[in-house]
Amino acid sequence: QVQLLESGGGSVPAGGSLRLSCEISANIGGVITAVGWYRQAPGKQRDLAAGIATDGNVKYADSVKGRFTITRDGLYNSQTVWLQMNDLKIDDTATYYCKAERGSNNYWGQGTQVPVHS
């Protein structure tokens, strides 16, 4: 069983900042490896915004590089992963989802909405 609890979404003006949080807890039965923040705008597919691996390697979508930062506290089956979003743009409007990988399984959070307004 893997549980993900997201928080931190909300309406924000363009140019503003927001920090999303994903609290992850898992029982014995495997180790959580990579964690990612994905986003899905209305009518579009869900894409990776930022990800962090067990060894600390991070990756970002080109569209968020230099503006978003993913960080983590804890490791494996008990960790919190944050997504700091700065200089938000209208195009960043989406529902943001946290995803944890354990073995061949992916576990998703419930999503948190981030509407960016002018």
N, C-alpha and C. Protein backbone atom coordinates (compact mmCIF):
# COMPACT_ATOMS: atom_id res chain seq x y z
N GLN A 1 0.84 -1.19 0.00
CA GLN A 1 0.00 0.00 0.00
C GLN A 1 0.88 1.25 0.00
N VAL A 2 0.63 2.11 -0.93
CA VAL A 2 1.37 3.38 -1.03
C VAL A 2 0.34 4.50 -1.00
N GLN A 3 0.59 5.46 -0.14
CA GLN A 3 -0.31 6.61 -0.04
C GLN A 3 0.42 7.89 -0.37
N LEU A 4 -0.23 8.73 -1.15
CA LEU A 4 0.32 10.01 -1.52
C LEU A 4 -0.70 11.08 -1.17
N LEU A 5 -0.26 12.10 -0.47
CA LEU A 5 -1.15 13.18 -0.06
C LEU A 5 -0.56 14.48 -0.57
N GLU A 6 -1.26 15.10 -1.50
CA GLU A 6 -0.80 16.34 -2.11
C GLU A 6 -1.47 17.53 -1.44
N SER A 7 -0.76 18.64 -1.43
CA SER A 7 -1.33 19.88 -0.93
C SER A 7 -0.56 21.05 -1.53
N GLY A 8 -1.12 22.25 -1.37
CA GLY A 8 -0.42 23.46 -1.77
C GLY A 8 -0.95 24.13 -3.02
N GLY A 9 -1.90 23.53 -3.69
CA GLY A 9 -2.42 24.16 -4.90
C GLY A 9 -3.31 25.35 -4.57
N GLY A 10 -3.68 26.07 -5.62
CA GLY A 10 -4.55 27.21 -5.45
C GLY A 10 -4.32 28.23 -6.54
N SER A 11 -5.23 29.20 -6.59
CA SER A 11 -5.14 30.24 -7.60
C SER A 11 -3.98 31.18 -7.30
N VAL A 12 -3.26 31.57 -8.35
CA VAL A 12 -2.09 32.43 -8.17
C VAL A 12 -1.98 33.35 -9.39
N PRO A 13 -1.56 34.58 -9.20
CA PRO A 13 -1.40 35.47 -10.36
C PRO A 13 -0.15 35.12 -11.15
N ALA A 14 -0.16 35.45 -12.41
CA ALA A 14 1.02 35.25 -13.24
C ALA A 14 2.20 36.00 -12.62
N GLY A 15 3.36 35.35 -12.60
CA GLY A 15 4.53 35.92 -11.97
C GLY A 15 4.68 35.53 -10.51
N GLY A 16 3.65 34.93 -9.96
CA GLY A 16 3.67 34.54 -8.55
C GLY A 16 4.35 33.20 -8.33
N SER A 17 4.34 32.77 -7.08
CA SER A 17 4.99 31.52 -6.68
C SER A 17 4.02 30.65 -5.88
N LEU A 18 4.32 29.37 -5.91
CA LEU A 18 3.50 28.41 -5.17
C LEU A 18 4.39 27.21 -4.86
N ARG A 19 4.13 26.56 -3.73
CA ARG A 19 4.87 25.36 -3.40
C ARG A 19 3.91 24.21 -3.17
N LEU A 20 4.08 23.16 -3.91
CA LEU A 20 3.27 21.96 -3.76
C LEU A 20 4.01 20.95 -2.90
N SER A 21 3.24 20.18 -2.15
CA SER A 21 3.81 19.18 -1.26
C SER A 21 3.18 17.82 -1.54
N CYS A 22 3.99 16.78 -1.50
CA CYS A 22 3.50 15.42 -1.67
C CYS A 22 4.09 14.57 -0.56
N GLU A 23 3.23 14.16 0.37
CA GLU A 23 3.66 13.30 1.46
C GLU A 23 3.42 11.85 1.05
N ILE A 24 4.48 11.07 1.11
CA ILE A 24 4.42 9.68 0.65
C ILE A 24 4.69 8.73 1.81
N SER A 25 3.84 7.74 1.94
CA SER A 25 4.08 6.69 2.93
C SER A 25 3.73 5.36 2.29
N ALA A 26 4.51 4.35 2.63
CA ALA A 26 4.29 3.04 2.04
C ALA A 26 4.62 1.96 3.04
N ASN A 27 3.92 0.86 2.92
CA ASN A 27 4.18 -0.25 3.82
C ASN A 27 5.31 -1.12 3.27
N ILE A 28 5.67 -2.12 4.01
CA ILE A 28 6.70 -3.05 3.56
C ILE A 28 6.18 -3.79 2.34
N GLY A 29 7.05 -3.98 1.39
CA GLY A 29 6.61 -4.68 0.19
C GLY A 29 7.27 -4.14 -1.04
N GLY A 30 8.28 -3.36 -0.82
CA GLY A 30 8.97 -2.77 -1.95
C GLY A 30 9.44 -1.39 -1.58
N VAL A 31 10.32 -0.88 -2.37
CA VAL A 31 10.93 0.42 -2.08
C VAL A 31 10.51 1.41 -3.15
N ILE A 32 10.10 2.56 -2.70
CA ILE A 32 9.78 3.62 -3.64
C ILE A 32 11.08 4.19 -4.21
N THR A 33 11.14 4.29 -5.49
CA THR A 33 12.32 4.83 -6.14
C THR A 33 12.04 6.25 -6.61
N ALA A 34 11.75 6.44 -7.85
CA ALA A 34 11.57 7.79 -8.37
C ALA A 34 10.22 8.38 -7.97
N VAL A 35 10.22 9.68 -7.80
CA VAL A 35 9.00 10.43 -7.53
C VAL A 35 8.94 11.58 -8.52
N GLY A 36 7.78 11.83 -9.05
CA GLY A 36 7.65 12.90 -10.02
C GLY A 36 6.41 13.74 -9.81
N TRP A 37 6.49 14.97 -10.23
CA TRP A 37 5.32 15.83 -10.33
C TRP A 37 4.94 15.93 -11.80
N TYR A 38 3.72 15.55 -12.06
CA TYR A 38 3.17 15.62 -13.41
C TYR A 38 2.07 16.67 -13.44
N ARG A 39 1.75 17.14 -14.61
CA ARG A 39 0.66 18.10 -14.71
C ARG A 39 -0.15 17.82 -15.96
N GLN A 40 -1.42 18.16 -15.84
CA GLN A 40 -2.35 17.93 -16.94
C GLN A 40 -3.26 19.14 -17.09
N ALA A 41 -3.11 19.82 -18.21
CA ALA A 41 -3.97 20.95 -18.52
C ALA A 41 -5.25 20.43 -19.16
N PRO A 42 -6.33 21.17 -19.09
CA PRO A 42 -7.60 20.73 -19.69
C PRO A 42 -7.44 20.38 -21.17
N GLY A 43 -7.87 19.19 -21.53
CA GLY A 43 -7.80 18.76 -22.92
C GLY A 43 -6.44 18.29 -23.39
N LYS A 44 -5.50 18.21 -22.48
CA LYS A 44 -4.15 17.81 -22.86
C LYS A 44 -3.73 16.57 -22.08
N GLN A 45 -2.65 15.95 -22.52
CA GLN A 45 -2.17 14.76 -21.84
C GLN A 45 -1.39 15.14 -20.59
N ARG A 46 -1.21 14.17 -19.73
CA ARG A 46 -0.46 14.38 -18.50
C ARG A 46 1.02 14.21 -18.80
N ASP A 47 1.80 15.22 -18.44
CA ASP A 47 3.23 15.21 -18.74
C ASP A 47 4.05 15.46 -17.48
N LEU A 48 5.27 14.99 -17.51
CA LEU A 48 6.18 15.22 -16.39
C LEU A 48 6.60 16.68 -16.34
N ALA A 49 6.49 17.27 -15.16
CA ALA A 49 7.02 18.62 -14.93
C ALA A 49 8.41 18.53 -14.29
N ALA A 50 8.53 17.68 -13.28
CA ALA A 50 9.81 17.53 -12.58
C ALA A 50 9.84 16.17 -11.90
N GLY A 51 11.04 15.58 -11.83
CA GLY A 51 11.17 14.29 -11.19
C GLY A 51 12.46 14.21 -10.41
N ILE A 52 12.46 13.35 -9.38
CA ILE A 52 13.66 13.16 -8.58
C ILE A 52 13.82 11.67 -8.33
N ALA A 53 15.06 11.19 -8.53
CA ALA A 53 15.35 9.77 -8.36
C ALA A 53 15.92 9.52 -6.97
N THR A 54 16.06 8.24 -6.63
CA THR A 54 16.58 7.88 -5.32
C THR A 54 17.98 8.44 -5.09
N ASP A 55 18.78 8.49 -6.14
CA ASP A 55 20.15 9.00 -6.00
C ASP A 55 20.21 10.52 -6.02
N GLY A 56 19.06 11.16 -6.09
CA GLY A 56 19.02 12.61 -6.04
C GLY A 56 19.03 13.29 -7.39
N ASN A 57 19.23 12.53 -8.44
CA ASN A 57 19.19 13.13 -9.77
C ASN A 57 17.81 13.71 -10.04
N VAL A 58 17.79 14.89 -10.63
CA VAL A 58 16.52 15.55 -10.93
C VAL A 58 16.44 15.81 -12.43
N LYS A 59 15.23 15.92 -12.90
CA LYS A 59 15.01 16.29 -14.29
C LYS A 59 13.78 17.17 -14.37
N TYR A 60 13.78 18.04 -15.37
CA TYR A 60 12.70 19.00 -15.53
C TYR A 60 12.27 19.06 -16.98
N ALA A 61 11.01 19.35 -17.17
CA ALA A 61 10.53 19.66 -18.50
C ALA A 61 11.18 20.96 -18.94
N ASP A 62 11.44 21.08 -20.22
CA ASP A 62 12.10 22.29 -20.72
C ASP A 62 11.31 23.54 -20.36
N SER A 63 10.01 23.42 -20.34
CA SER A 63 9.16 24.59 -20.13
C SER A 63 9.23 25.13 -18.70
N VAL A 64 9.76 24.34 -17.76
CA VAL A 64 9.79 24.79 -16.37
C VAL A 64 11.21 24.99 -15.84
N LYS A 65 12.20 24.64 -16.65
CA LYS A 65 13.59 24.78 -16.20
C LYS A 65 13.90 26.22 -15.81
N GLY A 66 14.55 26.36 -14.67
CA GLY A 66 14.89 27.68 -14.19
C GLY A 66 13.79 28.34 -13.37
N ARG A 67 12.60 27.74 -13.38
CA ARG A 67 11.48 28.31 -12.61
C ARG A 67 10.98 27.35 -11.53
N PHE A 68 11.02 26.06 -11.80
CA PHE A 68 10.55 25.06 -10.84
C PHE A 68 11.74 24.34 -10.22
N THR A 69 11.58 23.98 -8.95
CA THR A 69 12.61 23.21 -8.25
C THR A 69 11.94 22.09 -7.47
N ILE A 70 12.44 20.87 -7.67
CA ILE A 70 11.92 19.72 -6.93
C ILE A 70 12.92 19.35 -5.85
N THR A 71 12.43 19.14 -4.64
CA THR A 71 13.29 18.76 -3.52
C THR A 71 12.59 17.67 -2.71
N ARG A 72 13.36 17.06 -1.83
CA ARG A 72 12.83 15.91 -1.09
C ARG A 72 13.38 15.92 0.34
N ASP A 73 12.54 15.49 1.26
CA ASP A 73 12.97 15.23 2.63
C ASP A 73 12.60 13.79 2.94
N GLY A 74 13.58 13.00 3.38
CA GLY A 74 13.31 11.59 3.63
C GLY A 74 13.70 10.79 2.39
N LEU A 75 13.41 9.50 2.46
CA LEU A 75 13.82 8.62 1.35
C LEU A 75 12.99 7.36 1.39
N TYR A 76 12.93 6.71 0.26
CA TYR A 76 12.25 5.43 0.12
C TYR A 76 10.79 5.50 0.57
N ASN A 77 10.40 4.76 1.58
CA ASN A 77 8.98 4.61 1.85
C ASN A 77 8.38 5.65 2.80
N SER A 78 9.15 6.63 3.18
CA SER A 78 8.62 7.74 3.96
C SER A 78 9.36 8.99 3.52
N GLN A 79 8.70 9.81 2.76
CA GLN A 79 9.34 11.01 2.24
C GLN A 79 8.30 12.04 1.86
N THR A 80 8.75 13.26 1.82
CA THR A 80 7.93 14.36 1.33
C THR A 80 8.68 15.00 0.18
N VAL A 81 7.99 15.21 -0.89
CA VAL A 81 8.59 15.82 -2.09
C VAL A 81 7.87 17.12 -2.38
N TRP A 82 8.63 18.16 -2.53
CA TRP A 82 8.06 19.49 -2.80
C TRP A 82 8.35 19.93 -4.24
N LEU A 83 7.48 20.73 -4.74
CA LEU A 83 7.71 21.38 -6.03
C LEU A 83 7.54 22.87 -5.82
N GLN A 84 8.66 23.58 -5.83
CA GLN A 84 8.62 25.03 -5.72
C GLN A 84 8.47 25.61 -7.12
N MET A 85 7.43 26.39 -7.32
CA MET A 85 7.14 26.95 -8.64
C MET A 85 7.21 28.46 -8.55
N ASN A 86 8.12 29.05 -9.29
CA ASN A 86 8.31 30.50 -9.31
C ASN A 86 8.01 31.05 -10.69
N ASP A 87 7.75 32.34 -10.74
CA ASP A 87 7.47 33.01 -12.01
C ASP A 87 6.43 32.24 -12.82
N LEU A 88 5.33 31.94 -12.17
CA LEU A 88 4.31 31.14 -12.82
C LEU A 88 3.71 31.88 -14.02
N LYS A 89 3.37 31.11 -15.03
CA LYS A 89 2.80 31.64 -16.26
C LYS A 89 1.41 31.06 -16.47
N ILE A 90 0.64 31.74 -17.29
CA ILE A 90 -0.71 31.26 -17.58
C ILE A 90 -0.67 29.81 -18.07
N ASP A 91 0.34 29.50 -18.87
CA ASP A 91 0.47 28.15 -19.44
C ASP A 91 0.78 27.08 -18.39
N ASP A 92 1.12 27.49 -17.18
CA ASP A 92 1.36 26.52 -16.11
C ASP A 92 0.05 26.04 -15.48
N THR A 93 -1.04 26.66 -15.87
CA THR A 93 -2.34 26.25 -15.34
C THR A 93 -2.60 24.79 -15.66
N ALA A 94 -2.85 24.00 -14.62
CA ALA A 94 -3.05 22.56 -14.78
C ALA A 94 -3.43 21.95 -13.44
N THR A 95 -3.81 20.70 -13.49
CA THR A 95 -3.89 19.91 -12.28
C THR A 95 -2.57 19.19 -12.12
N TYR A 96 -1.98 19.30 -10.96
CA TYR A 96 -0.67 18.74 -10.71
C TYR A 96 -0.82 17.46 -9.88
N TYR A 97 -0.14 16.42 -10.34
CA TYR A 97 -0.21 15.11 -9.71
C TYR A 97 1.17 14.65 -9.27
N CYS A 98 1.22 14.04 -8.12
CA CYS A 98 2.44 13.41 -7.64
C CYS A 98 2.38 11.93 -7.99
N LYS A 99 3.49 11.39 -8.44
CA LYS A 99 3.55 9.97 -8.77
C LYS A 99 4.77 9.34 -8.13
N ALA A 100 4.56 8.17 -7.52
CA ALA A 100 5.65 7.42 -6.92
C ALA A 100 5.77 6.08 -7.63
N GLU A 101 6.99 5.68 -7.88
CA GLU A 101 7.25 4.41 -8.55
C GLU A 101 7.77 3.40 -7.53
N ARG A 102 7.17 2.22 -7.55
CA ARG A 102 7.67 1.14 -6.72
C ARG A 102 7.63 -0.12 -7.56
N GLY A 103 8.80 -0.63 -7.87
CA GLY A 103 8.89 -1.76 -8.76
C GLY A 103 8.30 -1.38 -10.11
N SER A 104 7.40 -2.19 -10.59
CA SER A 104 6.76 -1.93 -11.87
C SER A 104 5.44 -1.18 -11.72
N ASN A 105 5.15 -0.76 -10.49
CA ASN A 105 3.88 -0.08 -10.23
C ASN A 105 4.06 1.42 -10.06
N ASN A 106 3.07 2.15 -10.51
CA ASN A 106 3.01 3.61 -10.32
C ASN A 106 1.82 3.94 -9.43
N TYR A 107 2.05 4.84 -8.51
CA TYR A 107 1.00 5.27 -7.59
C TYR A 107 0.83 6.77 -7.73
N TRP A 108 -0.44 7.18 -7.84
CA TRP A 108 -0.74 8.59 -8.09
C TRP A 108 -1.47 9.22 -6.92
N GLY A 109 -1.21 10.50 -6.71
CA GLY A 109 -1.98 11.27 -5.78
C GLY A 109 -3.29 11.70 -6.41
N GLN A 110 -4.10 12.40 -5.64
CA GLN A 110 -5.42 12.78 -6.10
C GLN A 110 -5.39 14.02 -7.00
N GLY A 111 -4.29 14.71 -7.03
CA GLY A 111 -4.16 15.91 -7.86
C GLY A 111 -4.52 17.17 -7.11
N THR A 112 -3.84 18.23 -7.46
CA THR A 112 -4.15 19.54 -6.87
C THR A 112 -4.14 20.57 -8.00
N GLN A 113 -5.14 21.43 -8.00
CA GLN A 113 -5.29 22.37 -9.11
C GLN A 113 -4.47 23.63 -8.89
N VAL A 114 -3.89 24.09 -9.98
CA VAL A 114 -3.12 25.33 -9.96
C VAL A 114 -3.60 26.19 -11.13
N PRO A 115 -4.57 27.06 -10.86
CA PRO A 115 -4.98 28.00 -11.91
C PRO A 115 -4.15 29.28 -11.79
N VAL A 116 -3.50 29.64 -12.88
CA VAL A 116 -2.70 30.86 -12.91
C VAL A 116 -3.48 31.91 -13.70
N HIS A 117 -3.73 33.05 -13.08
CA HIS A 117 -4.56 34.08 -13.72
C HIS A 117 -3.75 35.33 -14.01
N SER A 118 -4.23 36.11 -14.94
CA SER A 118 -3.53 37.35 -15.33
C SER A 118 -3.88 38.47 -14.39
